[in-house]
Protein backbone atom coordinates (compact mmCIF):
# COMPACT_ATOMS: atom_id res chain seq x y z
CA MET A 1 -2.47 43.85 -24.40
CA THR A 2 -5.59 43.89 -26.52
CA MET A 3 -6.09 42.25 -29.86
CA SER A 4 -5.92 44.58 -32.89
CA LEU A 5 -7.45 43.57 -36.20
CA PRO A 6 -4.36 44.30 -38.37
CA THR A 7 -2.14 42.32 -36.01
CA LEU A 8 -4.60 39.42 -36.01
CA ILE A 9 -4.79 39.43 -39.82
CA THR A 10 -1.02 39.33 -40.35
CA PHE A 11 -0.65 36.73 -37.63
CA SER A 12 -3.33 34.58 -39.30
CA ILE A 13 -1.66 34.88 -42.71
CA TYR A 14 1.47 33.39 -41.19
CA LEU A 15 -0.41 30.46 -39.63
CA ILE A 16 -2.26 29.69 -42.88
CA GLY A 17 1.06 29.75 -44.75
CA MET A 18 2.49 27.09 -42.45
CA LEU A 19 -0.51 24.84 -43.07
CA LEU A 20 -0.15 25.26 -46.85
CA ILE A 21 3.47 24.11 -46.64
CA GLY A 22 2.28 21.01 -44.78
CA ALA A 23 -0.22 20.26 -47.53
CA ILE A 24 2.44 20.58 -50.25
CA ALA A 25 4.84 18.32 -48.31
CA TYR A 26 2.09 15.72 -48.01
CA ARG A 27 2.21 15.17 -51.77
CA LEU A 28 5.98 14.54 -51.59
CA THR A 29 5.77 11.98 -48.76
CA ASN A 30 5.60 8.42 -50.07
CA ASN A 31 7.37 6.24 -47.49
CA LEU A 32 8.77 6.23 -43.95
CA SER A 33 12.15 7.59 -45.05
CA ASP A 34 10.35 10.53 -46.64
CA TYR A 35 8.21 11.10 -43.52
CA ILE A 36 11.07 10.86 -41.00
CA LEU A 37 14.09 12.01 -43.02
CA GLY A 38 12.70 13.66 -46.14
CA GLY A 39 14.29 10.98 -48.32
CA ARG A 40 17.69 12.61 -47.70
CA LYS A 41 16.81 15.35 -50.19
CA LEU A 42 17.35 18.55 -48.21
CA GLY A 43 19.32 21.33 -49.87
CA SER A 44 22.03 23.21 -48.01
CA ALA A 45 19.95 26.33 -47.29
CA VAL A 46 16.94 24.40 -45.96
CA THR A 47 19.21 22.15 -43.89
CA ALA A 48 21.05 25.12 -42.41
CA LEU A 49 18.09 27.33 -41.55
CA SER A 50 15.82 24.52 -40.37
CA ALA A 51 18.60 23.32 -38.04
CA GLY A 52 19.04 26.84 -36.71
CA ALA A 53 15.33 27.46 -36.19
CA SER A 54 14.73 24.13 -34.44
CA ASP A 55 17.76 24.81 -32.25
CA MET A 56 17.04 28.31 -30.99
CA SER A 57 13.35 28.09 -30.05
CA ALA A 58 11.62 30.95 -28.25
CA TRP A 59 14.78 31.45 -26.17
CA LEU A 60 16.21 33.52 -29.03
CA LEU A 61 13.37 36.07 -29.05
CA LEU A 62 12.25 35.87 -25.42
CA GLY A 63 14.92 34.37 -23.16
CA LEU A 64 18.08 36.02 -24.50
CA PRO A 65 16.61 39.54 -24.85
CA GLY A 66 15.17 39.14 -21.35
CA SER A 67 18.58 38.14 -19.95
CA MET A 68 20.23 41.14 -21.60
CA TYR A 69 17.51 43.44 -20.25
CA VAL A 70 18.11 42.25 -16.69
CA GLY A 71 21.85 41.58 -16.71
CA GLY A 72 23.29 43.90 -19.32
CA LEU A 73 26.30 42.97 -21.43
CA SER A 74 27.54 40.27 -19.03
CA ALA A 75 24.53 38.11 -19.96
CA GLY A 76 25.82 37.87 -23.52
CA TRP A 77 28.71 35.50 -22.84
CA ILE A 78 26.44 32.52 -23.50
CA ALA A 79 26.38 33.51 -27.18
CA LEU A 80 30.13 32.84 -27.47
CA GLY A 81 29.77 29.26 -26.18
CA LEU A 82 26.81 28.60 -28.46
CA ILE A 83 28.59 29.89 -31.57
CA ILE A 84 31.70 27.79 -30.90
CA GLY A 85 29.64 24.68 -30.13
CA ALA A 86 27.42 25.06 -33.20
CA TYR A 87 30.43 25.59 -35.49
CA LEU A 88 32.22 22.50 -34.18
CA ASN A 89 29.02 20.47 -34.52
CA TRP A 90 28.76 21.44 -38.19
CA LYS A 91 32.47 20.89 -38.75
CA LEU A 92 32.94 17.56 -36.94
CA ASN A 93 29.55 15.84 -36.80
CA ALA A 94 27.65 16.97 -39.88
CA PRO A 95 29.71 15.46 -42.74
CA ARG A 96 30.58 12.27 -40.86
CA LEU A 97 27.04 11.61 -39.66
CA ARG A 98 25.64 12.11 -43.17
CA VAL A 99 27.99 9.48 -44.61
CA TYR A 100 28.00 7.06 -41.66
CA THR A 101 24.22 6.84 -41.28
CA GLU A 102 23.89 5.87 -44.93
CA MET A 103 26.75 3.34 -44.89
CA ALA A 104 25.70 1.82 -41.55
CA GLY A 105 22.48 0.18 -42.72
CA ASP A 106 20.91 3.39 -44.06
CA ALA A 107 19.92 4.50 -40.54
CA ILE A 108 17.12 7.08 -40.43
CA THR A 109 17.01 7.77 -36.67
CA LEU A 110 19.72 8.37 -34.05
CA PRO A 111 18.92 5.12 -32.14
CA ASP A 112 18.96 3.32 -35.49
CA TYR A 113 22.42 4.71 -36.24
CA LEU A 114 23.83 3.76 -32.82
CA GLU A 115 22.58 0.17 -33.13
CA ASN A 116 24.00 -0.21 -36.65
CA ARG A 117 27.28 1.55 -35.85
CA PHE A 118 28.07 -0.84 -33.00
CA GLN A 119 26.21 -3.88 -34.38
CA ASP A 120 24.29 -4.13 -31.13
CA LYS A 121 22.32 -7.37 -31.41
CA SER A 122 20.97 -6.92 -27.86
CA GLN A 123 19.24 -3.72 -29.06
CA LEU A 124 19.95 -2.07 -25.70
CA LEU A 125 21.44 1.02 -27.36
CA ARG A 126 18.32 1.47 -29.48
CA VAL A 127 15.88 0.99 -26.61
CA ILE A 128 17.67 3.17 -24.04
CA SER A 129 18.34 6.00 -26.49
CA ALA A 130 14.74 5.93 -27.79
CA LEU A 131 13.38 6.03 -24.22
CA ILE A 132 15.60 9.02 -23.37
CA ILE A 133 14.31 10.81 -26.47
CA LEU A 134 10.67 10.11 -25.66
CA LEU A 135 11.01 11.14 -22.02
CA PHE A 136 12.80 14.44 -22.50
CA PHE A 137 11.05 15.53 -25.68
CA THR A 138 7.51 14.86 -24.44
CA PHE A 139 8.03 17.22 -21.52
CA TYR A 140 10.09 19.64 -23.62
CA THR A 141 7.26 19.81 -26.16
CA SER A 142 4.71 20.55 -23.47
CA SER A 143 6.77 23.48 -22.22
CA GLY A 144 6.91 24.90 -25.74
CA MET A 145 3.15 24.65 -26.01
CA VAL A 146 2.86 26.58 -22.75
CA ALA A 147 5.06 29.29 -24.26
CA GLY A 148 2.92 29.40 -27.40
CA ALA A 149 -0.27 29.60 -25.40
CA THR A 150 1.19 32.38 -23.26
CA LEU A 151 2.03 34.33 -26.43
CA PHE A 152 -1.55 34.01 -27.73
CA GLU A 153 -2.93 34.87 -24.30
CA SER A 154 -0.77 37.97 -23.72
CA SER A 155 -0.94 39.28 -27.30
CA PHE A 156 -4.60 38.70 -28.12
CA GLY A 157 -6.32 38.30 -24.77
CA ILE A 158 -7.37 34.72 -25.58
CA GLU A 159 -8.10 32.55 -22.55
CA TYR A 160 -5.15 30.25 -21.76
CA SER A 161 -6.76 26.87 -22.44
CA ASN A 162 -8.15 28.07 -25.79
CA ALA A 163 -4.79 29.58 -26.72
CA LEU A 164 -3.11 26.26 -25.91
CA LEU A 165 -5.45 24.35 -28.22
CA ILE A 166 -5.06 26.85 -31.10
CA GLY A 167 -1.26 26.70 -31.02
CA ALA A 168 -1.19 22.91 -30.69
CA LEU A 169 -3.70 22.45 -33.54
CA VAL A 170 -1.61 24.42 -36.04
CA ILE A 171 1.70 22.75 -35.15
CA VAL A 172 0.26 19.24 -35.07
CA SER A 173 -1.60 19.76 -38.34
CA TYR A 174 1.37 20.45 -40.59
CA THR A 175 3.63 17.97 -38.78
CA PHE A 176 0.94 15.25 -38.95
CA ILE A 177 0.28 15.85 -42.65
CA GLY A 178 3.67 16.60 -44.13
CA GLY A 179 6.22 14.99 -41.82
CA PHE A 180 9.91 15.87 -42.05
CA LEU A 181 9.66 17.88 -45.27
CA ALA A 182 6.89 20.03 -43.83
CA VAL A 183 8.85 20.54 -40.62
CA CYS A 184 12.04 21.53 -42.45
CA TRP A 185 10.38 23.84 -44.97
CA THR A 186 8.28 25.56 -42.30
CA ASP A 187 11.43 25.88 -40.18
CA PHE A 188 13.22 27.37 -43.20
CA PHE A 189 10.67 30.17 -43.57
CA GLN A 190 10.39 30.56 -39.79
CA ALA A 191 14.17 31.03 -39.55
CA ILE A 192 14.01 33.81 -42.15
CA LEU A 193 11.14 35.45 -40.27
CA MET A 194 13.01 35.19 -36.96
CA MET A 195 16.17 36.76 -38.41
CA LEU A 196 14.23 39.58 -40.08
CA ALA A 197 12.53 40.32 -36.77
CA LEU A 198 15.87 40.37 -34.96
CA VAL A 199 17.37 42.72 -37.53
CA VAL A 200 14.42 45.10 -37.87
CA ALA A 201 13.46 45.36 -34.19
CA PRO A 202 16.83 46.51 -32.77
CA LEU A 203 17.44 48.91 -35.69
CA VAL A 204 14.08 50.62 -35.18
CA VAL A 205 14.52 50.77 -31.40
CA LEU A 206 18.00 52.30 -31.79
CA TYR A 207 16.52 54.83 -34.24
CA GLU A 208 13.80 55.72 -31.71
CA LEU A 209 16.55 56.25 -29.11
CA ASP A 210 18.53 58.56 -31.45
CA GLY A 211 21.33 56.16 -32.25
CA ILE A 212 23.84 53.88 -30.56
CA SER A 213 25.78 56.63 -28.75
CA ASN A 214 22.70 58.08 -27.09
CA THR A 215 21.42 54.59 -26.22
CA LEU A 216 24.70 53.77 -24.46
CA ALA A 217 24.64 57.12 -22.67
CA VAL A 218 21.11 56.51 -21.38
CA ILE A 219 22.02 52.99 -20.20
CA GLU A 220 25.09 54.39 -18.40
CA SER A 221 22.86 56.91 -16.65
CA VAL A 222 20.46 54.16 -15.54
CA ASP A 223 23.26 52.03 -14.08
CA PRO A 224 26.88 51.83 -15.37
CA ILE A 225 27.05 48.19 -14.34
CA PHE A 226 24.83 47.28 -17.32
CA SER A 227 27.74 48.14 -19.62
CA ASP A 228 30.23 46.00 -17.68
CA TRP A 229 31.02 42.72 -19.51
CA THR A 230 32.34 41.17 -16.27
CA LYS A 231 29.45 42.12 -13.96
CA GLY A 232 28.71 39.18 -11.65
CA VAL A 233 30.57 36.70 -13.89
CA THR A 234 32.45 34.14 -11.76
CA SER A 235 34.77 31.42 -13.05
CA ILE A 236 32.09 28.77 -12.55
CA GLY A 237 29.49 31.03 -14.13
CA PHE A 238 31.65 31.66 -17.20
CA LEU A 239 32.43 27.96 -17.64
CA SER A 240 28.74 27.16 -17.29
CA LEU A 241 27.80 29.62 -20.01
CA GLN A 242 30.46 28.30 -22.39
CA ALA A 243 29.45 24.69 -21.63
CA TRP A 244 26.11 25.28 -23.36
CA GLY A 245 27.97 24.84 -26.63
CA LEU A 246 28.74 21.20 -25.81
CA GLY A 247 25.03 20.44 -25.96
CA TYR A 248 24.98 20.72 -29.74
CA PHE A 249 26.79 17.42 -30.22
CA GLY A 250 23.85 15.44 -28.81
CA GLN A 251 20.62 17.19 -29.85
CA PRO A 252 18.57 14.68 -31.92
CA HIS A 253 16.47 17.37 -33.63
CA ILE A 254 19.64 19.05 -34.95
CA LEU A 255 21.59 15.89 -35.79
CA VAL A 256 18.72 14.56 -37.91
CA ARG A 257 19.19 17.54 -40.27
CA PHE A 258 22.77 16.41 -40.91
CA MET A 259 21.47 12.93 -41.78
CA ALA A 260 18.95 14.36 -44.25
CA ILE A 261 21.10 16.70 -46.36
CA THR A 262 21.25 15.69 -50.03
CA SER A 263 25.01 15.16 -50.16
CA VAL A 264 28.02 15.52 -47.88
CA LYS A 265 29.34 17.97 -50.47
CA ASP A 266 26.55 20.37 -49.46
CA VAL A 267 27.67 20.50 -45.82
CA PRO A 268 30.26 23.32 -46.13
CA SER A 269 27.79 25.72 -47.78
CA ALA A 270 25.12 24.73 -45.23
CA ARG A 271 27.59 25.42 -42.42
CA HIS A 272 28.33 28.92 -43.75
CA ILE A 273 24.63 29.73 -44.05
CA ALA A 274 23.83 28.32 -40.61
CA MET A 275 26.62 30.17 -38.82
CA SER A 276 25.85 33.46 -40.58
CA TRP A 277 22.17 33.17 -39.60
CA MET A 278 23.07 32.27 -36.04
CA ILE A 279 25.55 35.12 -35.49
CA VAL A 280 23.24 37.77 -36.98
CA SER A 281 20.26 36.49 -34.97
CA LEU A 282 22.15 36.30 -31.69
CA ILE A 283 23.52 39.83 -32.10
CA GLY A 284 20.03 41.10 -32.93
CA ALA A 285 18.52 39.43 -29.86
CA MET A 286 21.24 40.82 -27.59
CA VAL A 287 20.94 44.37 -28.95
CA THR A 288 17.14 44.24 -28.62
CA GLY A 289 17.28 43.33 -24.94
CA PHE A 290 20.13 45.73 -24.19
CA ALA A 291 18.44 48.66 -25.95
CA GLY A 292 15.27 47.82 -24.05
CA ILE A 293 17.00 49.04 -20.87
CA ALA A 294 17.19 52.54 -22.34
CA PHE A 295 13.76 52.42 -23.95
CA PHE A 296 11.74 51.36 -20.89
CA HIS A 297 13.71 52.87 -18.00
CA ASP A 298 11.48 55.96 -17.66
CA ARG A 299 8.18 54.35 -18.66
CA PRO A 300 6.35 53.33 -15.45
CA GLU A 301 3.46 51.90 -17.47
CA PHE A 302 5.76 48.97 -18.35
CA ALA A 303 6.67 48.14 -14.76
CA GLN A 304 5.62 44.51 -15.41
CA LEU A 305 9.03 43.96 -17.04
CA ALA A 306 10.51 43.86 -13.56
CA ASN A 307 8.71 40.55 -12.99
CA ASN A 308 8.68 39.26 -16.57
CA SER A 309 11.78 40.48 -18.40
CA GLU A 310 11.24 37.95 -21.21
CA ALA A 311 8.34 40.09 -22.44
CA VAL A 312 10.72 42.86 -23.54
CA PHE A 313 10.62 41.85 -27.23
CA ILE A 314 6.82 41.49 -27.22
CA LEU A 315 6.35 44.91 -25.58
CA LEU A 316 8.75 46.58 -28.01
CA THR A 317 6.80 45.23 -30.98
CA GLN A 318 3.57 46.57 -29.48
CA VAL A 319 4.93 50.04 -28.71
CA VAL A 320 7.36 50.79 -31.55
CA PHE A 321 5.70 49.22 -34.60
CA ASN A 322 2.34 49.71 -36.26
CA PRO A 323 -0.12 46.80 -35.82
CA TRP A 324 0.54 45.32 -39.28
CA ILE A 325 4.28 44.93 -38.71
CA ALA A 326 3.71 43.95 -35.07
CA GLY A 327 1.65 41.00 -36.27
CA PHE A 328 4.56 39.60 -38.26
CA LEU A 329 7.02 40.24 -35.41
CA LEU A 330 4.75 38.38 -33.00
CA ALA A 331 4.52 35.63 -35.61
CA ALA A 332 8.33 35.44 -35.45
CA ILE A 333 8.06 34.55 -31.76
CA LEU A 334 5.53 31.86 -32.52
CA ALA A 335 7.81 30.70 -35.34
CA ALA A 336 10.63 30.23 -32.84
CA ILE A 337 8.35 28.17 -30.61
CA MET A 338 6.80 26.13 -33.41
CA SER A 339 10.10 25.37 -35.16
CA THR A 340 11.34 23.53 -32.09
CA ILE A 341 8.08 21.79 -31.14
CA ASP A 342 7.50 20.35 -34.61
CA SER A 343 11.01 18.88 -34.68
CA GLN A 344 10.56 17.37 -31.23
CA LEU A 345 7.22 15.83 -32.20
CA LEU A 346 8.73 14.27 -35.30
CA ILE A 347 11.76 12.87 -33.45
CA CYS A 348 9.43 11.26 -30.90
CA SER A 349 7.28 9.91 -33.73
CA SER A 350 10.32 8.38 -35.43
CA ALA A 351 11.42 6.76 -32.15
CA ILE A 352 8.02 5.08 -31.74
CA THR A 353 7.66 4.07 -35.40
CA GLU A 354 11.16 3.00 -36.37
CA ASP A 355 12.73 2.07 -33.03
CA PHE A 356 9.80 0.28 -31.40
CA TYR A 357 6.89 -0.48 -33.76
CA ARG A 358 8.80 -1.81 -36.77
CA LYS A 359 11.69 -3.26 -34.79
CA PHE A 360 9.72 -5.15 -32.15
CA PHE A 361 6.12 -5.52 -33.33
CA ARG A 362 5.72 -5.37 -37.13
CA HIS A 363 8.89 -6.30 -39.03
CA GLU A 364 6.92 -6.70 -42.26
CA ALA A 365 4.84 -3.53 -41.96
CA SER A 366 4.28 -1.75 -45.28
CA GLU A 367 5.61 1.76 -45.90
CA LYS A 368 2.05 3.10 -45.95
CA GLU A 369 1.35 1.50 -42.56
CA LEU A 370 4.56 2.90 -41.06
CA VAL A 371 3.81 6.42 -42.27
CA MET A 372 0.34 6.18 -40.71
CA VAL A 373 1.85 4.95 -37.42
CA GLY A 374 4.22 7.92 -37.56
CA ARG A 375 1.32 10.33 -38.02
CA VAL A 376 -0.73 8.77 -35.23
CA SER A 377 2.36 8.94 -32.97
CA VAL A 378 2.64 12.69 -33.60
CA LEU A 379 -1.01 13.08 -32.58
CA LEU A 380 -0.71 10.96 -29.42
CA ILE A 381 2.47 12.69 -28.21
CA ALA A 382 0.92 16.09 -28.87
CA ILE A 383 -2.20 15.15 -26.90
CA LEU A 384 -0.02 14.03 -23.97
CA ALA A 385 2.03 17.24 -24.19
CA VAL A 386 -1.12 19.40 -24.24
CA TRP A 387 -2.49 17.51 -21.23
CA ILE A 388 0.74 18.16 -19.31
CA ALA A 389 0.69 21.82 -20.39
CA GLN A 390 -2.86 22.46 -19.06
CA ASP A 391 -1.35 24.20 -16.04
CA PRO A 392 0.78 27.17 -17.19
CA ASP A 393 2.70 26.98 -13.91
CA SER A 394 3.33 23.24 -14.23
CA LYS A 395 6.51 22.06 -12.52
CA VAL A 396 7.37 20.12 -15.66
CA LEU A 397 8.80 23.35 -17.07
CA ALA A 398 11.73 22.90 -14.70
CA LEU A 399 12.84 19.92 -16.82
CA VAL A 400 13.58 22.23 -19.74
CA SER A 401 16.50 23.73 -17.84
CA TYR A 402 18.40 20.47 -18.10
CA ALA A 403 16.81 18.83 -21.15
CA TRP A 404 19.56 20.42 -23.26
CA ALA A 405 22.11 19.05 -20.80
CA GLY A 406 20.45 15.62 -20.76
CA PHE A 407 20.73 15.24 -24.53
CA GLY A 408 24.11 16.94 -24.68
CA ALA A 409 25.72 14.66 -22.09
CA GLY A 410 23.69 11.54 -22.88
CA PHE A 411 24.22 11.57 -26.65
CA GLY A 412 26.92 14.15 -27.39
CA PRO A 413 30.06 12.20 -26.42
CA ILE A 414 28.70 8.97 -27.95
CA VAL A 415 27.95 10.57 -31.32
CA LEU A 416 31.25 12.46 -31.37
CA PHE A 417 33.43 9.49 -30.39
CA SER A 418 31.53 7.09 -32.67
CA LEU A 419 32.34 9.31 -35.65
CA LEU A 420 35.95 10.06 -34.74
CA TRP A 421 37.32 7.03 -32.87
CA ARG A 422 37.78 3.76 -34.74
CA ASN A 423 38.15 1.58 -31.64
CA MET A 424 35.09 2.69 -29.69
CA THR A 425 32.98 -0.30 -28.60
CA ARG A 426 29.32 -1.00 -27.99
CA ASN A 427 29.86 -1.33 -24.23
CA GLY A 428 31.76 1.95 -24.27
CA ALA A 429 28.75 3.59 -25.93
CA LEU A 430 26.35 2.16 -23.34
CA ALA A 431 28.60 3.26 -20.48
CA GLY A 432 28.88 6.77 -21.91
CA MET A 433 25.15 7.16 -22.50
CA LEU A 434 24.17 6.04 -19.01
CA THR A 435 27.00 7.96 -17.29
CA GLY A 436 26.17 11.21 -19.08
CA ALA A 437 22.42 11.05 -18.46
CA ILE A 438 22.73 9.97 -14.81
CA THR A 439 25.37 12.63 -14.06
CA VAL A 440 23.08 15.37 -15.37
CA VAL A 441 20.14 14.22 -13.26
CA VAL A 442 22.18 13.78 -10.06
CA TRP A 443 24.27 16.95 -10.47
CA LYS A 444 21.11 19.02 -10.96
CA GLU A 445 19.85 17.97 -7.52
CA LEU A 446 23.05 19.09 -5.75
CA SER A 447 23.98 22.66 -4.88
CA GLY A 448 26.77 24.80 -3.52
CA GLY A 449 30.39 25.22 -4.58
CA LEU A 450 31.39 23.12 -7.57
CA PHE A 451 27.79 21.88 -7.97
CA GLU A 452 26.79 25.36 -9.17
CA LEU A 453 28.54 24.41 -12.41
CA TYR A 454 26.11 23.72 -15.28
CA GLU A 455 25.45 19.98 -15.19
CA LEU A 456 26.20 19.54 -18.89
CA LEU A 457 29.95 20.05 -18.41
CA PRO A 458 30.56 17.35 -15.78
CA GLY A 459 28.08 15.07 -17.58
CA PHE A 460 29.96 15.46 -20.86
CA ILE A 461 33.37 14.93 -19.21
CA PHE A 462 32.33 11.86 -17.22
CA ALA A 463 30.57 10.32 -20.22
CA SER A 464 33.68 10.82 -22.35
CA LEU A 465 35.86 9.18 -19.69
CA ALA A 466 33.44 6.25 -19.43
CA ILE A 467 33.55 5.73 -23.21
CA VAL A 468 37.34 5.73 -23.33
CA ILE A 469 37.91 3.57 -20.25
CA VAL A 470 35.31 0.92 -21.06
CA SER A 471 36.31 0.77 -24.73
CA LYS A 472 39.97 0.32 -23.76
CA ILE A 473 39.31 -2.64 -21.44
CA ASP A 474 36.61 -4.14 -23.69
CA ASN A 475 37.14 -6.56 -26.57
CA LYS A 476 38.19 -4.85 -29.76
CA PRO A 477 35.48 -4.06 -32.36
CA ASN A 478 34.97 -6.81 -34.94
CA GLN A 479 36.45 -6.58 -38.41
CA GLN A 480 33.20 -5.50 -40.10
CA MET A 481 32.81 -2.52 -37.76
CA LEU A 482 36.40 -1.47 -38.45
CA GLU A 483 35.95 -1.85 -42.21
CA THR A 484 32.80 0.28 -42.19
CA PHE A 485 34.59 2.98 -40.23
CA ASP A 486 37.47 2.95 -42.74
CA LYS A 487 35.03 3.16 -45.67
CA VAL A 488 33.42 6.23 -44.12
CA GLN A 489 36.80 7.92 -43.70
CA GLN A 490 37.68 7.11 -47.30
CA ALA A 491 34.34 8.48 -48.53
CA LEU A 492 34.91 11.70 -46.61
CA LYS A 493 38.36 12.16 -48.17
CA SER A 494 37.05 11.59 -51.69
């Protein structure tokens, strides 16, 4: 694809807008709590849409449409697991985490919360959880930068290394300057842009194909198996797809939104907004990929889709829309990429600043110093991620396939049990964290039979068992821990 001036202009307007939001957020950032958690001042709409945008990433506009294009309707079962998992995360974790993190020492990071919740004087929970975050998110961030660079390269013909630097510069700039508020507000507008793209694109494509009935008829003529919901879906495959929903309970970049909402009373409205956005966006992505089967089946000039199905959304924007609208639709893809990378950068920054620098090196550091350390951390992590991403075919991209599982199994059961079970212990938390993370890594290396099951499911189950068993045989939690738990439950009821 060649670069058109109208597309470049609209694309540039979007990028400049993101930088302006970062500049505005800079003026509202006064201390570390503001930089990492926005001072717990997020409204329900911003909380909901920023959580959704940081969750879905480019998978929503590239991966899911590509899966539907290749597999037909049977590829859509993953959406069911994601919707159920996201709803339960909002219902069970969101209100409890908002109240508990404030009552347990006003925790502003996930490692901070775990240490305070279990009164872990050894600080093992903090250190291990922070290291897991840094490890997975550094590589995860680099993969997102590869995706962003690929978008610039394929859409505008920019050489890969230059495209990588352009994308990284924009993302790092507004995250570095504005911190959490900039990330959440940019994610808010990016979520709106993503949803608009996923509503407009399938509607226009269906119109070009003369409606839903004709689209289905064309797809049936290409291959009836595309319309079969059960095509190639085995029991293990179905369980694996539904297990993706379990990952929500342990994703730090989503959980931090729950901690930052203004009040627990805002959670129900945020949940309704988030779930509505998610369902509409998922349906739009699925319809786009599915309709792409009919649109491209007799167009030999787009034969490259056979090797790169994830380009189906990009190609549709280039063919169906005029260059001005195409620019904004391509910006929606970059928005999906950026909204995840910026959150990951900030979570890594908070782990370095709050969980290592202040805790172990500079107890008396001023708020101004801590904010600067946070900004420098964003820059250093981004530089490392860009260095890793220099090779677009880097093997590090393979880690993304189980990064979701690593966080889901490593943190999910711990967060869930810590909020719901009064008698969970610190040793139970440690056992669950290590069991979940190790299971994911080991299971991923095995193959055949039961080991074809997505590693998140066994990791989540084994971690949950480890938490229960160790907590049962361990000494009971002390009275202060029990009293704090009871106060949280009382606050939730009132």
